[in-house]
Amino acid sequence: MSSSTGNENLRIMVIDDSSTIRRSAEIFLGQVGYKVVLAEDGFDALAKINDTHPHLIFCDILMPRLDGYQTCALIKKSAKFRDTPVIMLSSKDGLFDRARGAMVGSEEYLTKPFTKDSLLKTVRKYTAEVHTHTN
């Protein structure tokens, strides 16, 4: 394997109450060298975000306690993280969900179950600028 992919400086947070989704994302992203931070729900994510400073956040919509819309809105209200791209994850592919996600500040919407290719394509789209600065 190559010694450096250029991805090891990128931290990606995956917030989802499904351990299967978290594990899939961790495997897909880890295989290409990204550092992955996992969170079970919005509260868990908010507790970890300050310490990890992710470059990109994937956030499930339907979660207990603090849903994805609330979590995204709180992230975007933070001066420190308002420019961090948030990609909403949902098993529903509805126009209403997309619109509501955009209203709280998310950059994009990815339908679950996602493929490795769709996940990595989304990561590359939103981290191209970070790649440019770290290489």
N, C-alpha and C. Protein backbone atom coordinates (compact mmCIF):
# COMPACT_ATOMS: atom_id res chain seq x y z
N MET A 1 0.83 -1.19 0.00
CA MET A 1 0.00 0.00 0.00
C MET A 1 0.87 1.25 0.00
N SER A 2 0.33 2.32 -0.52
CA SER A 2 1.10 3.57 -0.53
C SER A 2 1.21 4.11 0.88
N SER A 3 2.30 4.80 1.14
CA SER A 3 2.54 5.27 2.49
C SER A 3 1.68 6.47 2.85
N SER A 4 1.23 7.23 1.84
CA SER A 4 0.42 8.40 2.14
C SER A 4 -0.59 8.65 1.03
N THR A 5 -1.85 8.80 1.44
CA THR A 5 -2.91 9.07 0.48
C THR A 5 -3.25 10.54 0.44
N GLY A 6 -2.73 11.30 1.41
CA GLY A 6 -3.08 12.71 1.50
C GLY A 6 -4.38 12.91 2.26
N ASN A 7 -5.02 11.81 2.65
CA ASN A 7 -6.30 11.90 3.33
C ASN A 7 -6.18 11.91 4.85
N GLU A 8 -4.99 11.54 5.36
CA GLU A 8 -4.89 11.36 6.80
C GLU A 8 -5.06 12.65 7.61
N ASN A 9 -4.98 13.80 6.96
CA ASN A 9 -5.20 15.07 7.67
C ASN A 9 -6.68 15.45 7.74
N LEU A 10 -7.53 14.68 7.07
CA LEU A 10 -8.94 15.01 7.02
C LEU A 10 -9.73 14.22 8.05
N ARG A 11 -10.50 14.94 8.87
CA ARG A 11 -11.33 14.31 9.89
C ARG A 11 -12.79 14.43 9.46
N ILE A 12 -13.46 13.29 9.47
CA ILE A 12 -14.86 13.25 9.05
C ILE A 12 -15.69 12.67 10.19
N MET A 13 -16.73 13.40 10.58
CA MET A 13 -17.62 12.95 11.64
C MET A 13 -18.86 12.31 11.02
N VAL A 14 -19.25 11.17 11.55
CA VAL A 14 -20.46 10.49 11.10
C VAL A 14 -21.38 10.37 12.32
N ILE A 15 -22.54 11.03 12.23
CA ILE A 15 -23.51 11.01 13.33
C ILE A 15 -24.70 10.18 12.88
N ASP A 16 -24.91 9.04 13.52
CA ASP A 16 -26.04 8.18 13.15
C ASP A 16 -26.32 7.25 14.32
N ASP A 17 -27.59 7.04 14.62
CA ASP A 17 -27.93 6.14 15.73
C ASP A 17 -27.86 4.67 15.32
N SER A 18 -27.66 4.40 14.03
CA SER A 18 -27.51 3.03 13.55
C SER A 18 -26.04 2.63 13.58
N SER A 19 -25.72 1.60 14.35
CA SER A 19 -24.33 1.14 14.42
C SER A 19 -23.89 0.59 13.07
N THR A 20 -24.82 0.05 12.29
CA THR A 20 -24.49 -0.47 10.96
C THR A 20 -24.04 0.64 10.03
N ILE A 21 -24.76 1.75 10.04
CA ILE A 21 -24.40 2.89 9.19
C ILE A 21 -23.07 3.48 9.65
N ARG A 22 -22.90 3.65 10.96
CA ARG A 22 -21.63 4.18 11.48
C ARG A 22 -20.46 3.28 11.08
N ARG A 23 -20.64 1.98 11.23
CA ARG A 23 -19.57 1.03 10.92
C ARG A 23 -19.26 1.03 9.41
N SER A 24 -20.29 1.06 8.58
CA SER A 24 -20.08 1.09 7.12
C SER A 24 -19.29 2.34 6.73
N ALA A 25 -19.71 3.48 7.24
CA ALA A 25 -19.02 4.73 6.92
C ALA A 25 -17.58 4.69 7.41
N GLU A 26 -17.37 4.15 8.61
CA GLU A 26 -16.03 4.06 9.17
C GLU A 26 -15.13 3.19 8.29
N ILE A 27 -15.66 2.08 7.81
CA ILE A 27 -14.88 1.18 6.95
C ILE A 27 -14.57 1.86 5.62
N PHE A 28 -15.61 2.39 4.96
CA PHE A 28 -15.43 3.03 3.65
C PHE A 28 -14.43 4.18 3.71
N LEU A 29 -14.56 5.02 4.72
CA LEU A 29 -13.69 6.20 4.84
C LEU A 29 -12.30 5.82 5.33
N GLY A 30 -12.25 4.86 6.24
CA GLY A 30 -10.97 4.42 6.79
C GLY A 30 -10.10 3.73 5.75
N GLN A 31 -10.72 3.03 4.80
CA GLN A 31 -9.96 2.32 3.76
C GLN A 31 -9.15 3.28 2.90
N VAL A 32 -9.58 4.51 2.78
CA VAL A 32 -8.84 5.48 1.96
C VAL A 32 -8.07 6.48 2.82
N GLY A 33 -7.99 6.21 4.13
CA GLY A 33 -7.09 6.97 4.98
C GLY A 33 -7.68 8.12 5.78
N TYR A 34 -8.99 8.35 5.67
CA TYR A 34 -9.58 9.45 6.44
C TYR A 34 -9.64 9.08 7.92
N LYS A 35 -9.52 10.09 8.78
CA LYS A 35 -9.72 9.89 10.21
C LYS A 35 -11.22 10.04 10.46
N VAL A 36 -11.83 9.04 11.07
CA VAL A 36 -13.27 9.02 11.25
C VAL A 36 -13.63 9.18 12.72
N VAL A 37 -14.54 10.09 12.98
CA VAL A 37 -15.06 10.31 14.33
C VAL A 37 -16.53 9.90 14.30
N LEU A 38 -16.90 8.99 15.19
CA LEU A 38 -18.27 8.49 15.21
C LEU A 38 -19.05 9.06 16.39
N ALA A 39 -20.33 9.36 16.14
CA ALA A 39 -21.22 9.84 17.19
C ALA A 39 -22.57 9.14 17.04
N GLU A 40 -23.16 8.77 18.17
CA GLU A 40 -24.42 8.02 18.15
C GLU A 40 -25.64 8.90 17.97
N ASP A 41 -25.53 10.16 18.37
CA ASP A 41 -26.66 11.08 18.21
C ASP A 41 -26.14 12.51 18.30
N GLY A 42 -27.05 13.46 18.22
CA GLY A 42 -26.65 14.86 18.21
C GLY A 42 -25.91 15.30 19.46
N PHE A 43 -26.36 14.82 20.61
CA PHE A 43 -25.70 15.21 21.86
C PHE A 43 -24.26 14.68 21.90
N ASP A 44 -24.11 13.43 21.48
CA ASP A 44 -22.79 12.81 21.42
C ASP A 44 -21.89 13.60 20.46
N ALA A 45 -22.44 13.99 19.31
CA ALA A 45 -21.68 14.75 18.32
C ALA A 45 -21.25 16.11 18.87
N LEU A 46 -22.17 16.80 19.51
CA LEU A 46 -21.85 18.13 20.04
C LEU A 46 -20.79 18.05 21.13
N ALA A 47 -20.78 16.94 21.85
CA ALA A 47 -19.76 16.75 22.89
C ALA A 47 -18.38 16.50 22.27
N LYS A 48 -18.34 15.90 21.08
CA LYS A 48 -17.06 15.52 20.45
C LYS A 48 -16.54 16.54 19.45
N ILE A 49 -17.40 17.39 18.93
CA ILE A 49 -17.03 18.27 17.81
C ILE A 49 -15.91 19.25 18.18
N ASN A 50 -15.93 19.79 19.38
CA ASN A 50 -14.91 20.75 19.81
C ASN A 50 -13.52 20.13 19.89
N ASP A 51 -13.46 18.88 20.33
CA ASP A 51 -12.17 18.20 20.47
C ASP A 51 -11.62 17.71 19.14
N THR A 52 -12.50 17.37 18.20
CA THR A 52 -12.05 16.73 16.97
C THR A 52 -11.96 17.66 15.77
N HIS A 53 -12.69 18.77 15.79
CA HIS A 53 -12.70 19.74 14.67
C HIS A 53 -12.80 19.05 13.31
N PRO A 54 -13.92 18.36 13.04
CA PRO A 54 -14.03 17.66 11.75
C PRO A 54 -14.07 18.63 10.57
N HIS A 55 -13.57 18.16 9.43
CA HIS A 55 -13.59 18.96 8.20
C HIS A 55 -14.92 18.79 7.47
N LEU A 56 -15.64 17.70 7.78
CA LEU A 56 -16.91 17.38 7.13
C LEU A 56 -17.73 16.55 8.10
N ILE A 57 -19.06 16.78 8.10
CA ILE A 57 -19.94 16.06 9.01
C ILE A 57 -21.08 15.43 8.23
N PHE A 58 -21.29 14.12 8.43
CA PHE A 58 -22.48 13.43 7.92
C PHE A 58 -23.43 13.27 9.10
N CYS A 59 -24.68 13.69 8.92
CA CYS A 59 -25.62 13.70 10.04
C CYS A 59 -26.94 13.05 9.65
N ASP A 60 -27.29 11.98 10.34
CA ASP A 60 -28.58 11.32 10.14
C ASP A 60 -29.70 12.28 10.54
N ILE A 61 -30.84 12.15 9.90
CA ILE A 61 -31.98 13.01 10.25
C ILE A 61 -32.76 12.44 11.42
N LEU A 62 -33.14 11.17 11.32
CA LEU A 62 -33.98 10.58 12.35
C LEU A 62 -33.14 9.95 13.45
N MET A 63 -33.02 10.69 14.57
CA MET A 63 -32.27 10.19 15.72
C MET A 63 -33.03 10.55 16.98
N PRO A 64 -32.85 9.75 18.03
CA PRO A 64 -33.52 10.09 19.30
C PRO A 64 -32.87 11.31 19.96
N ARG A 65 -33.58 11.92 20.86
CA ARG A 65 -33.14 13.06 21.68
C ARG A 65 -32.97 14.33 20.86
N LEU A 66 -32.00 14.37 19.98
CA LEU A 66 -31.72 15.57 19.17
C LEU A 66 -31.65 15.10 17.72
N ASP A 67 -32.64 15.48 16.91
CA ASP A 67 -32.63 14.97 15.54
C ASP A 67 -31.60 15.69 14.68
N GLY A 68 -31.45 15.23 13.44
CA GLY A 68 -30.43 15.76 12.56
C GLY A 68 -30.62 17.22 12.21
N TYR A 69 -31.88 17.65 12.06
CA TYR A 69 -32.14 19.06 11.75
C TYR A 69 -31.69 19.95 12.91
N GLN A 70 -32.02 19.54 14.13
CA GLN A 70 -31.62 20.32 15.31
C GLN A 70 -30.10 20.32 15.47
N THR A 71 -29.49 19.16 15.25
CA THR A 71 -28.04 19.04 15.37
C THR A 71 -27.35 19.94 14.35
N CYS A 72 -27.80 19.89 13.10
CA CYS A 72 -27.21 20.71 12.04
C CYS A 72 -27.38 22.20 12.37
N ALA A 73 -28.56 22.59 12.82
CA ALA A 73 -28.82 23.99 13.15
C ALA A 73 -27.87 24.47 14.25
N LEU A 74 -27.65 23.63 15.26
CA LEU A 74 -26.75 24.00 16.36
C LEU A 74 -25.30 24.12 15.88
N ILE A 75 -24.88 23.22 15.00
CA ILE A 75 -23.52 23.28 14.45
C ILE A 75 -23.36 24.58 13.66
N LYS A 76 -24.34 24.89 12.83
CA LYS A 76 -24.26 26.07 11.96
C LYS A 76 -24.37 27.38 12.74
N LYS A 77 -24.93 27.35 13.95
CA LYS A 77 -25.02 28.56 14.78
C LYS A 77 -23.70 28.86 15.48
N SER A 78 -22.81 27.89 15.51
CA SER A 78 -21.51 28.06 16.16
C SER A 78 -20.57 28.81 15.23
N ALA A 79 -19.97 29.87 15.72
CA ALA A 79 -19.02 30.65 14.91
C ALA A 79 -17.85 29.78 14.46
N LYS A 80 -17.45 28.85 15.30
CA LYS A 80 -16.30 28.00 15.01
C LYS A 80 -16.58 26.96 13.92
N PHE A 81 -17.84 26.51 13.83
CA PHE A 81 -18.16 25.40 12.93
C PHE A 81 -19.17 25.75 11.84
N ARG A 82 -19.56 27.01 11.73
CA ARG A 82 -20.61 27.37 10.76
C ARG A 82 -20.19 27.08 9.32
N ASP A 83 -18.88 27.09 9.04
CA ASP A 83 -18.41 26.82 7.68
C ASP A 83 -18.09 25.35 7.42
N THR A 84 -18.27 24.51 8.43
CA THR A 84 -18.03 23.08 8.26
C THR A 84 -19.21 22.48 7.49
N PRO A 85 -18.94 21.85 6.34
CA PRO A 85 -20.05 21.26 5.57
C PRO A 85 -20.75 20.14 6.35
N VAL A 86 -22.09 20.19 6.33
CA VAL A 86 -22.90 19.15 6.95
C VAL A 86 -23.74 18.50 5.86
N ILE A 87 -23.62 17.19 5.74
CA ILE A 87 -24.37 16.41 4.77
C ILE A 87 -25.42 15.61 5.52
N MET A 88 -26.68 15.82 5.21
CA MET A 88 -27.76 15.11 5.88
C MET A 88 -27.87 13.69 5.31
N LEU A 89 -28.13 12.73 6.19
CA LEU A 89 -28.33 11.34 5.79
C LEU A 89 -29.77 10.93 6.12
N SER A 90 -30.44 10.29 5.17
CA SER A 90 -31.79 9.82 5.45
C SER A 90 -32.15 8.64 4.57
N SER A 91 -33.00 7.78 5.08
CA SER A 91 -33.48 6.66 4.28
C SER A 91 -34.63 7.11 3.39
N LYS A 92 -35.16 8.31 3.64
CA LYS A 92 -36.22 8.86 2.80
C LYS A 92 -35.60 9.82 1.79
N ASP A 93 -36.11 9.81 0.59
CA ASP A 93 -35.57 10.68 -0.45
C ASP A 93 -36.65 11.68 -0.86
N GLY A 94 -37.13 12.44 0.12
CA GLY A 94 -38.23 13.35 -0.15
C GLY A 94 -37.80 14.79 -0.33
N LEU A 95 -38.57 15.50 -1.12
CA LEU A 95 -38.32 16.91 -1.38
C LEU A 95 -38.41 17.72 -0.08
N PHE A 96 -39.39 17.38 0.76
CA PHE A 96 -39.57 18.10 2.03
C PHE A 96 -38.32 17.97 2.91
N ASP A 97 -37.79 16.76 2.99
CA ASP A 97 -36.60 16.52 3.82
C ASP A 97 -35.40 17.31 3.29
N ARG A 98 -35.25 17.33 1.97
CA ARG A 98 -34.16 18.09 1.34
C ARG A 98 -34.29 19.59 1.64
N ALA A 99 -35.51 20.08 1.50
CA ALA A 99 -35.75 21.51 1.73
C ALA A 99 -35.51 21.87 3.20
N ARG A 100 -35.99 21.03 4.09
CA ARG A 100 -35.80 21.30 5.52
C ARG A 100 -34.32 21.24 5.89
N GLY A 101 -33.60 20.31 5.29
CA GLY A 101 -32.16 20.22 5.52
C GLY A 101 -31.45 21.48 5.07
N ALA A 102 -31.83 21.98 3.89
CA ALA A 102 -31.22 23.21 3.37
C ALA A 102 -31.55 24.40 4.27
N MET A 103 -32.75 24.41 4.83
CA MET A 103 -33.15 25.52 5.70
C MET A 103 -32.30 25.61 6.97
N VAL A 104 -31.84 24.47 7.47
CA VAL A 104 -31.01 24.49 8.68
C VAL A 104 -29.53 24.59 8.36
N GLY A 105 -29.20 24.69 7.07
CA GLY A 105 -27.82 24.96 6.70
C GLY A 105 -27.02 23.81 6.13
N SER A 106 -27.66 22.66 5.89
CA SER A 106 -26.88 21.55 5.34
C SER A 106 -26.53 21.82 3.88
N GLU A 107 -25.38 21.30 3.47
CA GLU A 107 -24.90 21.51 2.11
C GLU A 107 -25.50 20.53 1.12
N GLU A 108 -25.79 19.33 1.59
CA GLU A 108 -26.26 18.30 0.68
C GLU A 108 -27.04 17.25 1.45
N TYR A 109 -27.61 16.33 0.70
CA TYR A 109 -28.48 15.29 1.23
C TYR A 109 -28.08 13.98 0.58
N LEU A 110 -27.75 12.99 1.38
CA LEU A 110 -27.34 11.69 0.86
C LEU A 110 -28.34 10.65 1.36
N THR A 111 -28.86 9.86 0.43
CA THR A 111 -29.85 8.85 0.78
C THR A 111 -29.18 7.57 1.25
N LYS A 112 -29.70 7.00 2.34
CA LYS A 112 -29.20 5.72 2.86
C LYS A 112 -30.04 4.59 2.26
N PRO A 113 -29.51 3.41 2.05
CA PRO A 113 -28.10 3.10 2.28
C PRO A 113 -27.23 3.68 1.17
N PHE A 114 -26.14 4.32 1.57
CA PHE A 114 -25.22 4.90 0.60
C PHE A 114 -24.22 3.85 0.16
N THR A 115 -23.64 4.07 -1.00
CA THR A 115 -22.59 3.18 -1.48
C THR A 115 -21.24 3.80 -1.11
N LYS A 116 -20.21 3.00 -1.18
CA LYS A 116 -18.87 3.51 -0.92
C LYS A 116 -18.56 4.64 -1.90
N ASP A 117 -18.91 4.43 -3.17
CA ASP A 117 -18.63 5.45 -4.19
C ASP A 117 -19.35 6.76 -3.93
N SER A 118 -20.64 6.68 -3.57
CA SER A 118 -21.39 7.93 -3.33
C SER A 118 -20.87 8.66 -2.10
N LEU A 119 -20.47 7.91 -1.09
CA LEU A 119 -19.92 8.51 0.13
C LEU A 119 -18.59 9.21 -0.17
N LEU A 120 -17.70 8.52 -0.87
CA LEU A 120 -16.38 9.09 -1.17
C LEU A 120 -16.48 10.25 -2.15
N LYS A 121 -17.40 10.17 -3.09
CA LYS A 121 -17.61 11.27 -4.04
C LYS A 121 -18.04 12.54 -3.29
N THR A 122 -18.94 12.36 -2.32
CA THR A 122 -19.41 13.49 -1.51
C THR A 122 -18.28 14.06 -0.68
N VAL A 123 -17.48 13.20 -0.08
CA VAL A 123 -16.34 13.65 0.72
C VAL A 123 -15.38 14.46 -0.15
N ARG A 124 -15.04 13.93 -1.32
CA ARG A 124 -14.11 14.64 -2.21
C ARG A 124 -14.66 16.00 -2.63
N LYS A 125 -15.96 16.07 -2.88
CA LYS A 125 -16.59 17.31 -3.30
C LYS A 125 -16.43 18.41 -2.25
N TYR A 126 -16.58 18.04 -0.99
CA TYR A 126 -16.56 19.05 0.08
C TYR A 126 -15.21 19.20 0.77
N THR A 127 -14.24 18.37 0.42
CA THR A 127 -12.93 18.49 1.07
C THR A 127 -11.83 18.83 0.07
N ALA A 128 -12.18 19.13 -1.16
CA ALA A 128 -11.18 19.46 -2.18
C ALA A 128 -10.31 20.63 -1.73
N GLU A 129 -10.95 21.62 -1.11
CA GLU A 129 -10.21 22.80 -0.63
C GLU A 129 -9.23 22.42 0.47
N VAL A 130 -9.63 21.52 1.37
CA VAL A 130 -8.75 21.08 2.46
C VAL A 130 -7.58 20.30 1.87
N HIS A 131 -7.86 19.43 0.86
CA HIS A 131 -6.78 18.69 0.20
C HIS A 131 -5.75 19.65 -0.39
N THR A 132 -6.23 20.71 -0.98
CA THR A 132 -5.34 21.70 -1.61
C THR A 132 -4.42 22.34 -0.57
N HIS A 133 -4.96 22.61 0.61
CA HIS A 133 -4.18 23.29 1.65
C HIS A 133 -3.24 22.36 2.40
N THR A 134 -3.53 21.05 2.40
CA THR A 134 -2.70 20.14 3.17
C THR A 134 -1.64 19.45 2.33
N ASN A 135 -1.78 19.48 1.02
CA ASN A 135 -0.80 18.81 0.16
C ASN A 135 0.29 19.76 -0.30
